Amino acid sequence: MSFLTLTVVHNSAIFRPDEDGRPVVSSPDFPRAHRDGKNMQEAFEEATDCLSSVISAHIAEKLQIPEPSPINFIVNPDKLH
């Protein structure tokens, strides 16, 4: 019988509005990984998918995956509708 060990890692996420008020999510650990959405839920889902792809690419290319930054969620709900 084989076992799979799964480690769940949380990465920091910065939520901010773009010039049109759409939420944009970026990760300080992966500066080129950022996504937006029509609302917070969609932006979160897009960012999750993007981060998964970036980490998968790092693994495939044998690149170092950075240690996660402390968890920080920066949201100004008055600017994200």
N, C-alpha and C. Protein backbone atom coordinates (compact mmCIF):
# COMPACT_ATOMS: atom_id res chain seq x y z
N MET A 1 0.85 -1.17 0.00
CA MET A 1 0.00 0.00 0.00
C MET A 1 0.90 1.23 0.00
N SER A 2 0.60 2.19 -0.85
CA SER A 2 1.36 3.44 -0.87
C SER A 2 0.52 4.56 -0.26
N PHE A 3 1.22 5.53 0.26
CA PHE A 3 0.56 6.66 0.89
C PHE A 3 0.97 7.94 0.20
N LEU A 4 0.09 8.87 0.19
CA LEU A 4 0.35 10.19 -0.38
C LEU A 4 0.31 11.19 0.76
N THR A 5 1.35 11.97 0.89
CA THR A 5 1.38 13.02 1.90
C THR A 5 1.05 14.33 1.23
N LEU A 6 0.09 15.01 1.75
CA LEU A 6 -0.34 16.30 1.20
C LEU A 6 -0.08 17.38 2.23
N THR A 7 0.64 18.38 1.82
CA THR A 7 0.90 19.51 2.69
C THR A 7 0.14 20.71 2.14
N VAL A 8 -0.67 21.31 2.96
CA VAL A 8 -1.43 22.48 2.54
C VAL A 8 -0.66 23.72 2.97
N VAL A 9 -0.39 24.57 2.02
CA VAL A 9 0.37 25.78 2.28
C VAL A 9 -0.50 26.97 1.92
N HIS A 10 -0.49 27.96 2.76
CA HIS A 10 -1.26 29.16 2.49
C HIS A 10 -0.30 30.25 2.00
N ASN A 11 -0.65 30.87 0.91
CA ASN A 11 0.13 31.99 0.40
C ASN A 11 -0.63 33.29 0.66
N SER A 12 0.14 34.34 0.83
CA SER A 12 -0.48 35.64 1.03
C SER A 12 -1.17 36.09 -0.24
N ALA A 13 -2.21 36.84 -0.06
CA ALA A 13 -2.94 37.39 -1.19
C ALA A 13 -3.26 38.85 -0.91
N ILE A 14 -3.10 39.66 -1.91
CA ILE A 14 -3.43 41.08 -1.80
C ILE A 14 -4.59 41.34 -2.75
N PHE A 15 -5.70 41.80 -2.20
CA PHE A 15 -6.87 42.15 -2.99
C PHE A 15 -6.93 43.67 -3.09
N ARG A 16 -7.05 44.16 -4.31
CA ARG A 16 -7.16 45.61 -4.51
C ARG A 16 -8.03 45.86 -5.74
N PRO A 17 -8.65 47.01 -5.81
CA PRO A 17 -9.46 47.32 -7.00
C PRO A 17 -8.58 47.87 -8.13
N ASP A 18 -8.95 47.55 -9.37
CA ASP A 18 -8.25 48.17 -10.50
C ASP A 18 -8.91 49.51 -10.80
N GLU A 19 -8.51 50.16 -11.88
CA GLU A 19 -9.04 51.49 -12.19
C GLU A 19 -10.53 51.50 -12.48
N ASP A 20 -11.10 50.29 -12.81
CA ASP A 20 -12.54 50.20 -13.05
C ASP A 20 -13.30 49.66 -11.85
N GLY A 21 -12.59 49.43 -10.74
CA GLY A 21 -13.24 48.94 -9.53
C GLY A 21 -13.33 47.42 -9.44
N ARG A 22 -12.81 46.70 -10.44
CA ARG A 22 -12.82 45.23 -10.40
C ARG A 22 -11.75 44.75 -9.41
N PRO A 23 -12.05 43.70 -8.64
CA PRO A 23 -11.05 43.20 -7.70
C PRO A 23 -9.91 42.49 -8.43
N VAL A 24 -8.68 42.81 -8.03
CA VAL A 24 -7.47 42.18 -8.56
C VAL A 24 -6.77 41.50 -7.39
N VAL A 25 -6.33 40.28 -7.60
CA VAL A 25 -5.64 39.53 -6.56
C VAL A 25 -4.21 39.29 -7.03
N SER A 26 -3.25 39.58 -6.16
CA SER A 26 -1.86 39.30 -6.48
C SER A 26 -1.21 38.59 -5.30
N SER A 27 -0.08 37.95 -5.57
CA SER A 27 0.64 37.21 -4.54
C SER A 27 2.06 37.74 -4.43
N PRO A 28 2.46 38.19 -3.25
CA PRO A 28 3.84 38.66 -3.11
C PRO A 28 4.87 37.55 -3.30
N ASP A 29 4.47 36.30 -3.12
CA ASP A 29 5.38 35.17 -3.30
C ASP A 29 5.63 34.85 -4.77
N PHE A 30 4.67 35.18 -5.62
CA PHE A 30 4.77 34.95 -7.06
C PHE A 30 4.34 36.24 -7.76
N PRO A 31 5.25 37.20 -7.90
CA PRO A 31 4.91 38.54 -8.37
C PRO A 31 4.22 38.61 -9.73
N ARG A 32 4.44 37.61 -10.58
CA ARG A 32 3.80 37.65 -11.91
C ARG A 32 2.44 36.96 -11.91
N ALA A 33 2.03 36.41 -10.79
CA ALA A 33 0.75 35.71 -10.68
C ALA A 33 -0.30 36.65 -10.12
N HIS A 34 -1.12 37.21 -10.99
CA HIS A 34 -2.21 38.05 -10.53
C HIS A 34 -3.40 37.87 -11.46
N ARG A 35 -4.58 37.96 -10.88
CA ARG A 35 -5.82 37.75 -11.61
C ARG A 35 -6.86 38.75 -11.15
N ASP A 36 -7.90 38.87 -11.95
CA ASP A 36 -9.01 39.73 -11.55
C ASP A 36 -10.31 38.97 -11.76
N GLY A 37 -11.40 39.60 -11.39
CA GLY A 37 -12.71 39.00 -11.57
C GLY A 37 -13.78 40.07 -11.54
N LYS A 38 -14.98 39.67 -11.89
CA LYS A 38 -16.08 40.64 -11.87
C LYS A 38 -16.54 40.92 -10.44
N ASN A 39 -16.19 40.00 -9.51
CA ASN A 39 -16.50 40.18 -8.10
C ASN A 39 -15.43 39.45 -7.28
N MET A 40 -15.51 39.56 -5.96
CA MET A 40 -14.49 38.96 -5.10
C MET A 40 -14.43 37.44 -5.26
N GLN A 41 -15.57 36.79 -5.36
CA GLN A 41 -15.60 35.32 -5.50
C GLN A 41 -14.88 34.89 -6.77
N GLU A 42 -15.21 35.54 -7.88
CA GLU A 42 -14.57 35.18 -9.14
C GLU A 42 -13.07 35.48 -9.11
N ALA A 43 -12.68 36.60 -8.54
CA ALA A 43 -11.26 36.96 -8.44
C ALA A 43 -10.51 35.92 -7.60
N PHE A 44 -11.11 35.48 -6.51
CA PHE A 44 -10.49 34.46 -5.66
C PHE A 44 -10.33 33.15 -6.43
N GLU A 45 -11.37 32.73 -7.14
CA GLU A 45 -11.31 31.49 -7.91
C GLU A 45 -10.25 31.57 -9.01
N GLU A 46 -10.18 32.70 -9.69
CA GLU A 46 -9.17 32.88 -10.74
C GLU A 46 -7.76 32.87 -10.15
N ALA A 47 -7.60 33.53 -9.01
CA ALA A 47 -6.28 33.57 -8.36
C ALA A 47 -5.85 32.19 -7.90
N THR A 48 -6.77 31.41 -7.37
CA THR A 48 -6.47 30.05 -6.93
C THR A 48 -6.00 29.21 -8.11
N ASP A 49 -6.70 29.30 -9.22
CA ASP A 49 -6.33 28.56 -10.42
C ASP A 49 -4.96 29.01 -10.94
N CYS A 50 -4.74 30.30 -10.96
CA CYS A 50 -3.47 30.85 -11.43
C CYS A 50 -2.31 30.38 -10.55
N LEU A 51 -2.49 30.44 -9.25
CA LEU A 51 -1.43 30.03 -8.34
C LEU A 51 -1.11 28.54 -8.49
N SER A 52 -2.15 27.73 -8.68
CA SER A 52 -1.93 26.30 -8.92
C SER A 52 -1.09 26.08 -10.17
N SER A 53 -1.40 26.82 -11.22
CA SER A 53 -0.65 26.70 -12.47
C SER A 53 0.80 27.14 -12.31
N VAL A 54 1.01 28.23 -11.59
CA VAL A 54 2.37 28.75 -11.39
C VAL A 54 3.20 27.75 -10.57
N ILE A 55 2.62 27.20 -9.53
CA ILE A 55 3.35 26.22 -8.71
C ILE A 55 3.63 24.96 -9.52
N SER A 56 2.66 24.51 -10.30
CA SER A 56 2.87 23.33 -11.16
C SER A 56 4.01 23.57 -12.15
N ALA A 57 4.06 24.77 -12.72
CA ALA A 57 5.13 25.10 -13.67
C ALA A 57 6.49 25.12 -12.96
N HIS A 58 6.53 25.65 -11.74
CA HIS A 58 7.78 25.65 -10.97
C HIS A 58 8.26 24.21 -10.73
N ILE A 59 7.33 23.33 -10.39
CA ILE A 59 7.69 21.93 -10.14
C ILE A 59 8.19 21.28 -11.43
N ALA A 60 7.46 21.47 -12.52
CA ALA A 60 7.85 20.87 -13.80
C ALA A 60 9.21 21.35 -14.28
N GLU A 61 9.52 22.61 -14.02
CA GLU A 61 10.79 23.19 -14.47
C GLU A 61 11.88 23.07 -13.40
N LYS A 62 11.55 22.38 -12.31
CA LYS A 62 12.50 22.18 -11.20
C LYS A 62 13.03 23.50 -10.64
N LEU A 63 12.14 24.48 -10.57
CA LEU A 63 12.47 25.77 -9.99
C LEU A 63 12.12 25.75 -8.51
N GLN A 64 12.82 26.55 -7.75
CA GLN A 64 12.54 26.63 -6.32
C GLN A 64 11.20 27.31 -6.08
N ILE A 65 10.41 26.74 -5.21
CA ILE A 65 9.14 27.34 -4.81
C ILE A 65 9.42 28.16 -3.55
N PRO A 66 9.12 29.45 -3.58
CA PRO A 66 9.44 30.29 -2.42
C PRO A 66 8.64 29.90 -1.18
N GLU A 67 9.24 30.12 -0.04
CA GLU A 67 8.52 29.93 1.23
C GLU A 67 7.35 30.90 1.26
N PRO A 68 6.21 30.47 1.76
CA PRO A 68 5.07 31.38 1.81
C PRO A 68 5.30 32.54 2.76
N SER A 69 4.87 33.70 2.34
CA SER A 69 4.89 34.87 3.23
C SER A 69 3.81 34.69 4.28
N PRO A 70 3.86 35.47 5.35
CA PRO A 70 2.77 35.40 6.34
C PRO A 70 1.43 35.69 5.67
N ILE A 71 0.39 35.05 6.18
CA ILE A 71 -0.93 35.23 5.59
C ILE A 71 -1.42 36.65 5.85
N ASN A 72 -1.75 37.34 4.78
CA ASN A 72 -2.30 38.69 4.86
C ASN A 72 -3.36 38.82 3.78
N PHE A 73 -4.51 39.24 4.15
CA PHE A 73 -5.54 39.54 3.16
C PHE A 73 -5.86 41.02 3.33
N ILE A 74 -5.56 41.78 2.31
CA ILE A 74 -5.76 43.22 2.37
C ILE A 74 -6.95 43.55 1.48
N VAL A 75 -8.03 43.94 2.07
CA VAL A 75 -9.24 44.22 1.31
C VAL A 75 -9.87 45.51 1.83
N ASN A 76 -10.22 46.38 0.92
CA ASN A 76 -11.01 47.54 1.26
C ASN A 76 -12.39 47.32 0.65
N PRO A 77 -13.33 46.79 1.44
CA PRO A 77 -14.64 46.41 0.89
C PRO A 77 -15.40 47.60 0.30
N ASP A 78 -15.09 48.83 0.70
CA ASP A 78 -15.80 49.98 0.15
C ASP A 78 -15.47 50.19 -1.33
N LYS A 79 -14.33 49.67 -1.78
CA LYS A 79 -13.91 49.89 -3.16
C LYS A 79 -14.17 48.68 -4.04
N LEU A 80 -14.62 47.57 -3.47
CA LEU A 80 -14.85 46.35 -4.23
C LEU A 80 -16.33 45.99 -4.17
N HIS A 81 -17.03 46.21 -5.25
CA HIS A 81 -18.46 45.89 -5.29
C HIS A 81 -18.73 44.87 -6.36
